[in-house]
Amino acid sequence: FLGRAIAFFGAGIYEELLFRLILLSALVAGFHRIGVTPKVSCVTAVTLSSLIFAAAHYQLDLNLGTWHIATSFGDTFQWTSFMFRYSAGIFFSVVFLFRGFGIAVGSHALYDIFVSFL
């Protein structure tokens, strides 16, 4: 029990660090830097980072010219789970923007732990 809880807590920390603190913040700053208004920058950054967050949970099998990129981890793609994860990405992004990194991490980690034991 404790090992699984620690692993899911760590996943919450890692995903919030990567997708909200780094990616979302970089997107907001980048859009703002090219002259996009702060509100549009935030909405666009939340949308893009949430799409990337959702996509990161799936197996990848791409052919890009002569390169073949494939991963063995992640779920098989389904629209329903993708839309749920996209919505979760939006939720955690809003939590991050309005409440901060710590609350977003705690919320994400507790959600992961709760769902893992159902």
PDB file of N, CA and C in Angstrom:
ATOM      1  N   PHE A   1       0.826  -1.207   0.000  1.00  0.00           N
ATOM      2  CA  PHE A   1       0.000   0.000   0.000  1.00  0.00           C
ATOM      3  C   PHE A   1       0.860   1.256   0.000  1.00  0.00           C
ATOM      4  N   LEU A   2       1.807   1.319   0.913  1.00  0.00           N
ATOM      5  CA  LEU A   2       2.631   2.520   1.047  1.00  0.00           C
ATOM      6  C   LEU A   2       3.473   2.761  -0.204  1.00  0.00           C
ATOM      7  N   GLY A   3       4.023   1.692  -0.772  1.00  0.00           N
ATOM      8  CA  GLY A   3       4.832   1.830  -1.983  1.00  0.00           C
ATOM      9  C   GLY A   3       4.030   2.367  -3.149  1.00  0.00           C
ATOM     10  N   ARG A   4       2.812   1.857  -3.318  1.00  0.00           N
ATOM     11  CA  ARG A   4       1.950   2.350  -4.395  1.00  0.00           C
ATOM     12  C   ARG A   4       1.564   3.802  -4.169  1.00  0.00           C
ATOM     13  N   ALA A   5       1.241   4.150  -2.925  1.00  0.00           N
ATOM     14  CA  ALA A   5       0.860   5.526  -2.618  1.00  0.00           C
ATOM     15  C   ALA A   5       2.010   6.485  -2.909  1.00  0.00           C
ATOM     16  N   ILE A   6       3.226   6.087  -2.561  1.00  0.00           N
ATOM     17  CA  ILE A   6       4.394   6.936  -2.821  1.00  0.00           C
ATOM     18  C   ILE A   6       4.616   7.091  -4.318  1.00  0.00           C
ATOM     19  N   ALA A   7       4.444   6.006  -5.076  1.00  0.00           N
ATOM     20  CA  ALA A   7       4.617   6.069  -6.536  1.00  0.00           C
ATOM     21  C   ALA A   7       3.591   7.007  -7.168  1.00  0.00           C
ATOM     22  N   PHE A   8       2.344   6.934  -6.748  1.00  0.00           N
ATOM     23  CA  PHE A   8       1.319   7.801  -7.318  1.00  0.00           C
ATOM     24  C   PHE A   8       1.511   9.251  -6.876  1.00  0.00           C
ATOM     25  N   PHE A   9       1.973   9.454  -5.655  1.00  0.00           N
ATOM     26  CA  PHE A   9       2.273  10.810  -5.202  1.00  0.00           C
ATOM     27  C   PHE A   9       3.400  11.401  -6.039  1.00  0.00           C
ATOM     28  N   GLY A  10       4.432  10.585  -6.298  1.00  0.00           N
ATOM     29  CA  GLY A  10       5.548  11.027  -7.134  1.00  0.00           C
ATOM     30  C   GLY A  10       5.108  11.372  -8.550  1.00  0.00           C
ATOM     31  N   ALA A  11       4.172  10.575  -9.097  1.00  0.00           N
ATOM     32  CA  ALA A  11       3.656  10.862 -10.444  1.00  0.00           C
ATOM     33  C   ALA A  11       2.943  12.210 -10.463  1.00  0.00           C
ATOM     34  N   GLY A  12       2.186  12.504  -9.413  1.00  0.00           N
ATOM     35  CA  GLY A  12       1.510  13.799  -9.330  1.00  0.00           C
ATOM     36  C   GLY A  12       2.503  14.951  -9.298  1.00  0.00           C
ATOM     37  N   ILE A  13       3.573  14.784  -8.538  1.00  0.00           N
ATOM     38  CA  ILE A  13       4.602  15.821  -8.468  1.00  0.00           C
ATOM     39  C   ILE A  13       5.263  15.999  -9.832  1.00  0.00           C
ATOM     40  N   TYR A  14       5.670  14.893 -10.433  1.00  0.00           N
ATOM     41  CA  TYR A  14       6.358  14.939 -11.719  1.00  0.00           C
ATOM     42  C   TYR A  14       5.497  15.587 -12.803  1.00  0.00           C
ATOM     43  N   GLU A  15       4.237  15.167 -12.912  1.00  0.00           N
ATOM     44  CA  GLU A  15       3.382  15.701 -13.969  1.00  0.00           C
ATOM     45  C   GLU A  15       3.076  17.175 -13.760  1.00  0.00           C
ATOM     46  N   GLU A  16       2.869  17.589 -12.535  1.00  0.00           N
ATOM     47  CA  GLU A  16       2.619  19.010 -12.290  1.00  0.00           C
ATOM     48  C   GLU A  16       3.867  19.843 -12.549  1.00  0.00           C
ATOM     49  N   LEU A  17       5.021  19.313 -12.190  1.00  0.00           N
ATOM     50  CA  LEU A  17       6.272  20.015 -12.474  1.00  0.00           C
ATOM     51  C   LEU A  17       6.463  20.179 -13.973  1.00  0.00           C
ATOM     52  N   LEU A  18       6.286  19.099 -14.712  1.00  0.00           N
ATOM     53  CA  LEU A  18       6.525  19.123 -16.156  1.00  0.00           C
ATOM     54  C   LEU A  18       5.458  19.909 -16.921  1.00  0.00           C
ATOM     55  N   PHE A  19       4.186  19.592 -16.680  1.00  0.00           N
ATOM     56  CA  PHE A  19       3.122  20.148 -17.517  1.00  0.00           C
ATOM     57  C   PHE A  19       2.611  21.509 -17.054  1.00  0.00           C
ATOM     58  N   ARG A  20       2.648  21.786 -15.769  1.00  0.00           N
ATOM     59  CA  ARG A  20       2.143  23.077 -15.300  1.00  0.00           C
ATOM     60  C   ARG A  20       3.282  24.052 -15.020  1.00  0.00           C
ATOM     61  N   LEU A  21       4.194  23.696 -14.118  1.00  0.00           N
ATOM     62  CA  LEU A  21       5.235  24.652 -13.721  1.00  0.00           C
ATOM     63  C   LEU A  21       6.158  24.998 -14.883  1.00  0.00           C
ATOM     64  N   ILE A  22       6.549  23.998 -15.675  1.00  0.00           N
ATOM     65  CA  ILE A  22       7.483  24.266 -16.776  1.00  0.00           C
ATOM     66  C   ILE A  22       6.740  24.612 -18.067  1.00  0.00           C
ATOM     67  N   LEU A  23       5.930  23.664 -18.589  1.00  0.00           N
ATOM     68  CA  LEU A  23       5.310  23.857 -19.905  1.00  0.00           C
ATOM     69  C   LEU A  23       4.285  24.993 -19.908  1.00  0.00           C
ATOM     70  N   LEU A  24       3.339  24.968 -18.991  1.00  0.00           N
ATOM     71  CA  LEU A  24       2.306  26.002 -18.968  1.00  0.00           C
ATOM     72  C   LEU A  24       2.923  27.382 -18.768  1.00  0.00           C
ATOM     73  N   SER A  25       3.840  27.484 -17.830  1.00  0.00           N
ATOM     74  CA  SER A  25       4.489  28.779 -17.582  1.00  0.00           C
ATOM     75  C   SER A  25       5.260  29.259 -18.803  1.00  0.00           C
ATOM     76  N   ALA A  26       5.968  28.348 -19.474  1.00  0.00           N
ATOM     77  CA  ALA A  26       6.728  28.718 -20.675  1.00  0.00           C
ATOM     78  C   ALA A  26       5.801  29.154 -21.805  1.00  0.00           C
ATOM     79  N   LEU A  27       4.686  28.456 -21.968  1.00  0.00           N
ATOM     80  CA  LEU A  27       3.739  28.837 -23.018  1.00  0.00           C
ATOM     81  C   LEU A  27       3.129  30.208 -22.743  1.00  0.00           C
ATOM     82  N   VAL A  28       2.711  30.450 -21.507  1.00  0.00           N
ATOM     83  CA  VAL A  28       2.146  31.764 -21.160  1.00  0.00           C
ATOM     84  C   VAL A  28       3.176  32.856 -21.439  1.00  0.00           C
ATOM     85  N   ALA A  29       4.404  32.648 -20.988  1.00  0.00           N
ATOM     86  CA  ALA A  29       5.456  33.647 -21.196  1.00  0.00           C
ATOM     87  C   ALA A  29       5.752  33.833 -22.682  1.00  0.00           C
ATOM     88  N   GLY A  30       5.789  32.741 -23.427  1.00  0.00           N
ATOM     89  CA  GLY A  30       6.069  32.826 -24.860  1.00  0.00           C
ATOM     90  C   GLY A  30       4.992  33.573 -25.617  1.00  0.00           C
ATOM     91  N   PHE A  31       3.742  33.260 -25.336  1.00  0.00           N
ATOM     92  CA  PHE A  31       2.650  33.976 -26.000  1.00  0.00           C
ATOM     93  C   PHE A  31       2.645  35.447 -25.620  1.00  0.00           C
ATOM     94  N   HIS A  32       2.888  35.730 -24.352  1.00  0.00           N
ATOM     95  CA  HIS A  32       2.926  37.120 -23.901  1.00  0.00           C
ATOM     96  C   HIS A  32       4.071  37.872 -24.582  1.00  0.00           C
ATOM     97  N   ARG A  33       5.194  37.178 -24.737  1.00  0.00           N
ATOM     98  CA  ARG A  33       6.381  37.804 -25.339  1.00  0.00           C
ATOM     99  C   ARG A  33       6.155  38.190 -26.803  1.00  0.00           C
ATOM    100  N   ILE A  34       5.329  37.416 -27.517  1.00  0.00           N
ATOM    101  CA  ILE A  34       5.083  37.749 -28.929  1.00  0.00           C
ATOM    102  C   ILE A  34       3.914  38.714 -29.098  1.00  0.00           C
ATOM    103  N   GLY A  35       3.410  39.229 -27.975  1.00  0.00           N
ATOM    104  CA  GLY A  35       2.412  40.284 -28.053  1.00  0.00           C
ATOM    105  C   GLY A  35       0.975  39.858 -27.836  1.00  0.00           C
ATOM    106  N   VAL A  36       0.750  38.611 -27.450  1.00  0.00           N
ATOM    107  CA  VAL A  36      -0.613  38.147 -27.180  1.00  0.00           C
ATOM    108  C   VAL A  36      -1.033  38.699 -25.815  1.00  0.00           C
ATOM    109  N   THR A  37      -2.285  39.084 -25.683  1.00  0.00           N
ATOM    110  CA  THR A  37      -2.765  39.633 -24.418  1.00  0.00           C
ATOM    111  C   THR A  37      -2.655  38.590 -23.307  1.00  0.00           C
ATOM    112  N   PRO A  38      -2.529  39.023 -22.054  1.00  0.00           N
ATOM    113  CA  PRO A  38      -2.382  38.072 -20.952  1.00  0.00           C
ATOM    114  C   PRO A  38      -3.525  37.044 -20.866  1.00  0.00           C
ATOM    115  N   LYS A  39      -4.763  37.491 -21.060  1.00  0.00           N
ATOM    116  CA  LYS A  39      -5.898  36.570 -20.959  1.00  0.00           C
ATOM    117  C   LYS A  39      -5.853  35.506 -22.060  1.00  0.00           C
ATOM    118  N   VAL A  40      -5.614  35.945 -23.295  1.00  0.00           N
ATOM    119  CA  VAL A  40      -5.536  35.005 -24.424  1.00  0.00           C
ATOM    120  C   VAL A  40      -4.320  34.091 -24.256  1.00  0.00           C
ATOM    121  N   SER A  41      -3.209  34.625 -23.744  1.00  0.00           N
ATOM    122  CA  SER A  41      -2.023  33.811 -23.493  1.00  0.00           C
ATOM    123  C   SER A  41      -2.345  32.675 -22.528  1.00  0.00           C
ATOM    124  N   CYS A  42      -3.040  32.991 -21.449  1.00  0.00           N
ATOM    125  CA  CYS A  42      -3.385  31.977 -20.448  1.00  0.00           C
ATOM    126  C   CYS A  42      -4.328  30.925 -21.026  1.00  0.00           C
ATOM    127  N   VAL A  43      -5.364  31.356 -21.710  1.00  0.00           N
ATOM    128  CA  VAL A  43      -6.341  30.406 -22.271  1.00  0.00           C
ATOM    129  C   VAL A  43      -5.678  29.495 -23.300  1.00  0.00           C
ATOM    130  N   THR A  44      -4.873  30.062 -24.168  1.00  0.00           N
ATOM    131  CA  THR A  44      -4.197  29.277 -25.197  1.00  0.00           C
ATOM    132  C   THR A  44      -3.188  28.317 -24.576  1.00  0.00           C
ATOM    133  N   ALA A  45      -2.435  28.791 -23.599  1.00  0.00           N
ATOM    134  CA  ALA A  45      -1.442  27.950 -22.936  1.00  0.00           C
ATOM    135  C   ALA A  45      -2.106  26.809 -22.164  1.00  0.00           C
ATOM    136  N   VAL A  46      -3.211  27.090 -21.493  1.00  0.00           N
ATOM    137  CA  VAL A  46      -3.951  26.042 -20.775  1.00  0.00           C
ATOM    138  C   VAL A  46      -4.438  24.995 -21.768  1.00  0.00           C
ATOM    139  N   THR A  47      -4.986  25.432 -22.886  1.00  0.00           N
ATOM    140  CA  THR A  47      -5.499  24.504 -23.896  1.00  0.00           C
ATOM    141  C   THR A  47      -4.381  23.620 -24.449  1.00  0.00           C
ATOM    142  N   LEU A  48      -3.286  24.229 -24.880  1.00  0.00           N
ATOM    143  CA  LEU A  48      -2.182  23.463 -25.472  1.00  0.00           C
ATOM    144  C   LEU A  48      -1.527  22.527 -24.464  1.00  0.00           C
ATOM    145  N   SER A  49      -1.237  23.014 -23.275  1.00  0.00           N
ATOM    146  CA  SER A  49      -0.580  22.160 -22.283  1.00  0.00           C
ATOM    147  C   SER A  49      -1.485  21.016 -21.845  1.00  0.00           C
ATOM    148  N   SER A  50      -2.790  21.251 -21.822  1.00  0.00           N
ATOM    149  CA  SER A  50      -3.732  20.192 -21.459  1.00  0.00           C
ATOM    150  C   SER A  50      -3.837  19.131 -22.547  1.00  0.00           C
ATOM    151  N   LEU A  51      -3.779  19.547 -23.804  1.00  0.00           N
ATOM    152  CA  LEU A  51      -3.758  18.584 -24.914  1.00  0.00           C
ATOM    153  C   LEU A  51      -2.499  17.723 -24.860  1.00  0.00           C
ATOM    154  N   ILE A  52      -1.373  18.352 -24.591  1.00  0.00           N
ATOM    155  CA  ILE A  52      -0.103  17.611 -24.493  1.00  0.00           C
ATOM    156  C   ILE A  52      -0.126  16.690 -23.279  1.00  0.00           C
ATOM    157  N   PHE A  53      -0.656  17.159 -22.163  1.00  0.00           N
ATOM    158  CA  PHE A  53      -0.797  16.342 -20.956  1.00  0.00           C
ATOM    159  C   PHE A  53      -1.621  15.103 -21.248  1.00  0.00           C
ATOM    160  N   ALA A  54      -2.753  15.270 -21.914  1.00  0.00           N
ATOM    161  CA  ALA A  54      -3.609  14.129 -22.240  1.00  0.00           C
ATOM    162  C   ALA A  54      -2.891  13.162 -23.178  1.00  0.00           C
ATOM    163  N   ALA A  55      -2.243  13.689 -24.205  1.00  0.00           N
ATOM    164  CA  ALA A  55      -1.562  12.841 -25.189  1.00  0.00           C
ATOM    165  C   ALA A  55      -0.411  12.058 -24.569  1.00  0.00           C
ATOM    166  N   ALA A  56       0.227  12.607 -23.557  1.00  0.00           N
ATOM    167  CA  ALA A  56       1.383  11.961 -22.939  1.00  0.00           C
ATOM    168  C   ALA A  56       1.027  10.659 -22.218  1.00  0.00           C
ATOM    169  N   HIS A  57      -0.241  10.391 -22.022  1.00  0.00           N
ATOM    170  CA  HIS A  57      -0.668   9.189 -21.305  1.00  0.00           C
ATOM    171  C   HIS A  57      -0.883   7.981 -22.222  1.00  0.00           C
ATOM    172  N   TYR A  58      -0.575   8.122 -23.504  1.00  0.00           N
ATOM    173  CA  TYR A  58      -0.872   7.062 -24.468  1.00  0.00           C
ATOM    174  C   TYR A  58       0.390   6.525 -25.125  1.00  0.00           C
ATOM    175  N   GLN A  59       0.271   5.290 -25.615  1.00  0.00           N
ATOM    176  CA  GLN A  59       1.358   4.691 -26.378  1.00  0.00           C
ATOM    177  C   GLN A  59       1.563   5.482 -27.657  1.00  0.00           C
ATOM    178  N   LEU A  60       2.788   5.515 -28.094  1.00  0.00           N
ATOM    179  CA  LEU A  60       3.140   6.282 -29.284  1.00  0.00           C
ATOM    180  C   LEU A  60       3.705   5.324 -30.322  1.00  0.00           C
ATOM    181  N   ASP A  61       3.248   5.443 -31.552  1.00  0.00           N
ATOM    182  CA  ASP A  61       3.770   4.645 -32.659  1.00  0.00           C
ATOM    183  C   ASP A  61       3.682   5.500 -33.913  1.00  0.00           C
ATOM    184  N   LEU A  62       4.787   6.203 -34.213  1.00  0.00           N
ATOM    185  CA  LEU A  62       4.809   7.154 -35.325  1.00  0.00           C
ATOM    186  C   LEU A  62       5.925   6.843 -36.304  1.00  0.00           C
ATOM    187  N   ASN A  63       5.659   7.074 -37.556  1.00  0.00           N
ATOM    188  CA  ASN A  63       6.683   7.049 -38.586  1.00  0.00           C
ATOM    189  C   ASN A  63       6.856   8.474 -39.089  1.00  0.00           C
ATOM    190  N   LEU A  64       8.030   9.018 -38.872  1.00  0.00           N
ATOM    191  CA  LEU A  64       8.357  10.375 -39.317  1.00  0.00           C
ATOM    192  C   LEU A  64       9.501  10.276 -40.318  1.00  0.00           C
ATOM    193  N   GLY A  65       9.138  10.165 -41.571  1.00  0.00           N
ATOM    194  CA  GLY A  65      10.159   9.971 -42.597  1.00  0.00           C
ATOM    195  C   GLY A  65      10.816   8.616 -42.416  1.00  0.00           C
ATOM    196  N   THR A  66      12.115   8.632 -42.173  1.00  0.00           N
ATOM    197  CA  THR A  66      12.833   7.371 -41.960  1.00  0.00           C
ATOM    198  C   THR A  66      12.892   6.974 -40.489  1.00  0.00           C
ATOM    199  N   TRP A  67      12.378   7.810 -39.629  1.00  0.00           N
ATOM    200  CA  TRP A  67      12.405   7.511 -38.199  1.00  0.00           C
ATOM    201  C   TRP A  67      11.123   6.809 -37.784  1.00  0.00           C
ATOM    202  N   HIS A  68      11.265   5.821 -36.924  1.00  0.00           N
ATOM    203  CA  HIS A  68      10.112   5.156 -36.315  1.00  0.00           C
ATOM    204  C   HIS A  68      10.216   5.370 -34.813  1.00  0.00           C
ATOM    205  N   ILE A  69       9.230   6.030 -34.258  1.00  0.00           N
ATOM    206  CA  ILE A  69       9.214   6.328 -32.828  1.00  0.00           C
ATOM    207  C   ILE A  69       8.069   5.543 -32.198  1.00  0.00           C
ATOM    208  N   ALA A  70       8.402   4.707 -31.224  1.00  0.00           N
ATOM    209  CA  ALA A  70       7.373   3.905 -30.566  1.00  0.00           C
ATOM    210  C   ALA A  70       7.685   3.805 -29.080  1.00  0.00           C
ATOM    211  N   THR A  71       6.632   3.786 -28.272  1.00  0.00           N
ATOM    212  CA  THR A  71       6.778   3.578 -26.837  1.00  0.00           C
ATOM    213  C   THR A  71       5.929   2.378 -26.435  1.00  0.00           C
ATOM    214  N   SER A  72       6.347   1.706 -25.396  1.00  0.00           N
ATOM    215  CA  SER A  72       5.595   0.550 -24.917  1.00  0.00           C
ATOM    216  C   SER A  72       4.775   0.888 -23.672  1.00  0.00           C
ATOM    217  N   PHE A  73       4.962   2.078 -23.131  1.00  0.00           N
ATOM    218  CA  PHE A  73       4.209   2.471 -21.937  1.00  0.00           C
ATOM    219  C   PHE A  73       2.992   3.297 -22.336  1.00  0.00           C
ATOM    220  N   GLY A  74       2.067   3.414 -21.436  1.00  0.00           N
ATOM    221  CA  GLY A  74       0.872   4.205 -21.673  1.00  0.00           C
ATOM    222  C   GLY A  74      -0.298   3.353 -22.124  1.00  0.00           C
ATOM    223  N   ASP A  75      -1.439   3.982 -22.178  1.00  0.00           N
ATOM    224  CA  ASP A  75      -2.672   3.315 -22.575  1.00  0.00           C
ATOM    225  C   ASP A  75      -2.843   3.337 -24.081  1.00  0.00           C
ATOM    226  N   THR A  76      -3.699   2.465 -24.571  1.00  0.00           N
ATOM    227  CA  THR A  76      -4.115   2.512 -25.960  1.00  0.00           C
ATOM    228  C   THR A  76      -5.091   3.671 -26.102  1.00  0.00           C
ATOM    229  N   PHE A  77      -4.960   4.435 -27.178  1.00  0.00           N
ATOM    230  CA  PHE A  77      -5.758   5.645 -27.339  1.00  0.00           C
ATOM    231  C   PHE A  77      -7.251   5.342 -27.426  1.00  0.00           C
ATOM    232  N   GLN A  78      -8.041   6.114 -26.661  1.00  0.00           N
ATOM    233  CA  GLN A  78      -9.504   6.123 -26.734  1.00  0.00           C
ATOM    234  C   GLN A  78      -9.948   7.562 -26.528  1.00  0.00           C
ATOM    235  N   TRP A  79     -10.906   7.996 -27.337  1.00  0.00           N
ATOM    236  CA  TRP A  79     -11.363   9.389 -27.251  1.00  0.00           C
ATOM    237  C   TRP A  79     -11.949   9.729 -25.898  1.00  0.00           C
ATOM    238  N   THR A  80     -12.692   8.811 -25.287  1.00  0.00           N
ATOM    239  CA  THR A  80     -13.328   9.129 -24.005  1.00  0.00           C
ATOM    240  C   THR A  80     -12.289   9.385 -22.919  1.00  0.00           C
ATOM    241  N   SER A  81     -11.269   8.532 -22.840  1.00  0.00           N
ATOM    242  CA  SER A  81     -10.244   8.753 -21.815  1.00  0.00           C
ATOM    243  C   SER A  81      -9.376   9.961 -22.166  1.00  0.00           C
ATOM    244  N   PHE A  82      -9.161  10.197 -23.465  1.00  0.00           N
ATOM    245  CA  PHE A  82      -8.402  11.381 -23.868  1.00  0.00           C
ATOM    246  C   PHE A  82      -9.128  12.653 -23.425  1.00  0.00           C
ATOM    247  N   MET A  83     -10.428  12.714 -23.666  1.00  0.00           N
ATOM    248  CA  MET A  83     -11.193  13.909 -23.289  1.00  0.00           C
ATOM    249  C   MET A  83     -11.236  14.085 -21.762  1.00  0.00           C
ATOM    250  N   PHE A  84     -11.299  12.962 -21.029  1.00  0.00           N
ATOM    251  CA  PHE A  84     -11.260  13.055 -19.572  1.00  0.00           C
ATOM    252  C   PHE A  84      -9.919  13.625 -19.120  1.00  0.00           C
ATOM    253  N   ARG A  85      -8.833  13.122 -19.692  1.00  0.00           N
ATOM    254  CA  ARG A  85      -7.504  13.602 -19.299  1.00  0.00           C
ATOM    255  C   ARG A  85      -7.281  15.045 -19.745  1.00  0.00           C
ATOM    256  N   TYR A  86      -7.823  15.410 -20.894  1.00  0.00           N
ATOM    257  CA  TYR A  86      -7.748  16.799 -21.347  1.00  0.00           C
ATOM    258  C   TYR A  86      -8.483  17.706 -20.350  1.00  0.00           C
ATOM    259  N   SER A  87      -9.661  17.286 -19.930  1.00  0.00           N
ATOM    260  CA  SER A  87     -10.421  18.051 -18.937  1.00  0.00           C
ATOM    261  C   SER A  87      -9.671  18.130 -17.613  1.00  0.00           C
ATOM    262  N   ALA A  88      -9.047  17.036 -17.210  1.00  0.00           N
ATOM    263  CA  ALA A  88      -8.250  17.041 -15.979  1.00  0.00           C
ATOM    264  C   ALA A  88      -7.072  18.005 -16.122  1.00  0.00           C
ATOM    265  N   GLY A  89      -6.469  18.039 -17.309  1.00  0.00           N
ATOM    266  CA  GLY A  89      -5.375  18.978 -17.552  1.00  0.00           C
ATOM    267  C   GLY A  89      -5.832  20.420 -17.407  1.00  0.00           C
ATOM    268  N   ILE A  90      -7.010  20.708 -17.908  1.00  0.00           N
ATOM    269  CA  ILE A  90      -7.568  22.059 -17.752  1.00  0.00           C
ATOM    270  C   ILE A  90      -7.810  22.355 -16.276  1.00  0.00           C
ATOM    271  N   PHE A  91      -8.407  21.396 -15.574  1.00  0.00           N
ATOM    272  CA  PHE A  91      -8.676  21.583 -14.142  1.00  0.00           C
ATOM    273  C   PHE A  91      -7.387  21.865 -13.372  1.00  0.00           C
ATOM    274  N   PHE A  92      -6.372  21.008 -13.545  1.00  0.00           N
ATOM    275  CA  PHE A  92      -5.126  21.200 -12.804  1.00  0.00           C
ATOM    276  C   PHE A  92      -4.409  22.478 -13.229  1.00  0.00           C
ATOM    277  N   SER A  93      -4.558  22.891 -14.486  1.00  0.00           N
ATOM    278  CA  SER A  93      -3.973  24.157 -14.936  1.00  0.00           C
ATOM    279  C   SER A  93      -4.629  25.342 -14.230  1.00  0.00           C
ATOM    280  N   VAL A  94      -5.942  25.310 -14.126  1.00  0.00           N
ATOM    281  CA  VAL A  94      -6.668  26.386 -13.439  1.00  0.00           C
ATOM    282  C   VAL A  94      -6.293  26.415 -11.960  1.00  0.00           C
ATOM    283  N   VAL A  95      -6.200  25.238 -11.338  1.00  0.00           N
ATOM    284  CA  VAL A  95      -5.763  25.168  -9.936  1.00  0.00           C
ATOM    285  C   VAL A  95      -4.365  25.774  -9.808  1.00  0.00           C
ATOM    286  N   PHE A  96      -3.476  25.408 -10.722  1.00  0.00           N
ATOM    287  CA  PHE A  96      -2.113  25.943 -10.694  1.00  0.00           C
ATOM    288  C   PHE A  96      -2.110  27.469 -10.835  1.00  0.00           C
ATOM    289  N   LEU A  97      -2.863  27.988 -11.782  1.00  0.00           N
ATOM    290  CA  LEU A  97      -2.867  29.433 -12.025  1.00  0.00           C
ATOM    291  C   LEU A  97      -3.472  30.226 -10.867  1.00  0.00           C
ATOM    292  N   PHE A  98      -4.504  29.677 -10.230  1.00  0.00           N
ATOM    293  CA  PHE A  98      -5.195  30.432  -9.187  1.00  0.00           C
ATOM    294  C   PHE A  98      -4.738  30.103  -7.766  1.00  0.00           C
ATOM    295  N   ARG A  99      -4.206  28.893  -7.558  1.00  0.00           N
ATOM    296  CA  ARG A  99      -3.829  28.492  -6.204  1.00  0.00           C
ATOM    297  C   ARG A  99      -2.345  28.176  -6.038  1.00  0.00           C
ATOM    298  N   GLY A 100      -1.649  27.916  -7.138  1.00  0.00           N
ATOM    299  CA  GLY A 100      -0.212  27.692  -7.056  1.00  0.00           C
ATOM    300  C   GLY A 100       0.193  26.243  -7.241  1.00  0.00           C
ATOM    301  N   PHE A 101       1.498  26.073  -7.319  1.00  0.00           N
ATOM    302  CA  PHE A 101       2.089  24.775  -7.621  1.00  0.00           C
ATOM    303  C   PHE A 101       1.789  23.734  -6.540  1.00  0.00           C
ATOM    304  N   GLY A 102       1.946  24.092  -5.290  1.00  0.00           N
ATOM    305  CA  GLY A 102       1.753  23.136  -4.185  1.00  0.00           C
ATOM    306  C   GLY A 102       0.347  22.561  -4.136  1.00  0.00           C
ATOM    307  N   ILE A 103      -0.658  23.399  -4.311  1.00  0.00           N
ATOM    308  CA  ILE A 103      -2.047  22.937  -4.286  1.00  0.00           C
ATOM    309  C   ILE A 103      -2.328  22.057  -5.501  1.00  0.00           C
ATOM    310  N   ALA A 104      -1.781  22.427  -6.654  1.00  0.00           N
ATOM    311  CA  ALA A 104      -1.967  21.605  -7.857  1.00  0.00           C
ATOM    312  C   ALA A 104      -1.328  20.233  -7.662  1.00  0.00           C
ATOM    313  N   VAL A 105      -0.123  20.194  -7.113  1.00  0.00           N
ATOM    314  CA  VAL A 105       0.545  18.910  -6.851  1.00  0.00           C
ATOM    315  C   VAL A 105      -0.262  18.074  -5.874  1.00  0.00           C
ATOM    316  N   GLY A 106      -0.677  18.675  -4.786  1.00  0.00           N
ATOM    317  CA  GLY A 106      -1.451  17.942  -3.783  1.00  0.00           C
ATOM    318  C   GLY A 106      -2.751  17.399  -4.344  1.00  0.00           C
ATOM    319  N   SER A 107      -3.450  18.210  -5.120  1.00  0.00           N
ATOM    320  CA  SER A 107      -4.709  17.781  -5.728  1.00  0.00           C
ATOM    321  C   SER A 107      -4.479  16.630  -6.699  1.00  0.00           C
ATOM    322  N   HIS A 108      -3.477  16.759  -7.532  1.00  0.00           N
ATOM    323  CA  HIS A 108      -3.178  15.731  -8.525  1.00  0.00           C
ATOM    324  C   HIS A 108      -2.748  14.431  -7.840  1.00  0.00           C
ATOM    325  N   ALA A 109      -1.861  14.530  -6.875  1.00  0.00           N
ATOM    326  CA  ALA A 109      -1.370  13.342  -6.173  1.00  0.00           C
ATOM    327  C   ALA A 109      -2.495  12.641  -5.418  1.00  0.00           C
ATOM    328  N   LEU A 110      -3.327  13.398  -4.724  1.00  0.00           N
ATOM    329  CA  LEU A 110      -4.446  12.783  -4.001  1.00  0.00           C
ATOM    330  C   LEU A 110      -5.437  12.130  -4.954  1.00  0.00           C
ATOM    331  N   TYR A 111      -5.685  12.760  -6.104  1.00  0.00           N
ATOM    332  CA  TYR A 111      -6.557  12.150  -7.108  1.00  0.00           C
ATOM    333  C   TYR A 111      -5.965  10.824  -7.581  1.00  0.00           C
ATOM    334  N   ASP A 112      -4.672  10.822  -7.925  1.00  0.00           N
ATOM    335  CA  ASP A 112      -4.020   9.595  -8.394  1.00  0.00           C
ATOM    336  C   ASP A 112      -4.083   8.487  -7.339  1.00  0.00           C
ATOM    337  N   ILE A 113      -3.810   8.836  -6.105  1.00  0.00           N
ATOM    338  CA  ILE A 113      -3.846   7.849  -5.023  1.00  0.00           C
ATOM    339  C   ILE A 113      -5.265   7.325  -4.834  1.00  0.00           C
ATOM    340  N   PHE A 114      -6.234   8.203  -4.820  1.00  0.00           N
ATOM    341  CA  PHE A 114      -7.635   7.806  -4.633  1.00  0.00           C
ATOM    342  C   PHE A 114      -8.093   6.855  -5.744  1.00  0.00           C
ATOM    343  N   VAL A 115      -7.822   7.217  -6.992  1.00  0.00           N
ATOM    344  CA  VAL A 115      -8.272   6.410  -8.137  1.00  0.00           C
ATOM    345  C   VAL A 115      -7.545   5.057  -8.170  1.00  0.00           C
ATOM    346  N   SER A 116      -6.298   5.027  -7.778  1.00  0.00           N
ATOM    347  CA  SER A 116      -5.522   3.785  -7.833  1.00  0.00           C
ATOM    348  C   SER A 116      -6.058   2.730  -6.881  1.00  0.00           C
ATOM    349  N   PHE A 117      -6.743   3.138  -5.843  1.00  0.00           N
ATOM    350  CA  PHE A 117      -7.247   2.176  -4.865  1.00  0.00           C
ATOM    351  C   PHE A 117      -8.727   1.872  -5.014  1.00  0.00           C
ATOM    352  N   LEU A 118      -9.353   2.371  -6.059  1.00  0.00           N
ATOM    353  CA  LEU A 118     -10.767   2.054  -6.309  1.00  0.00           C
ATOM    354  C   LEU A 118     -10.916   0.759  -7.062  1.00  0.00           C
TER     355      LEU A 118
END
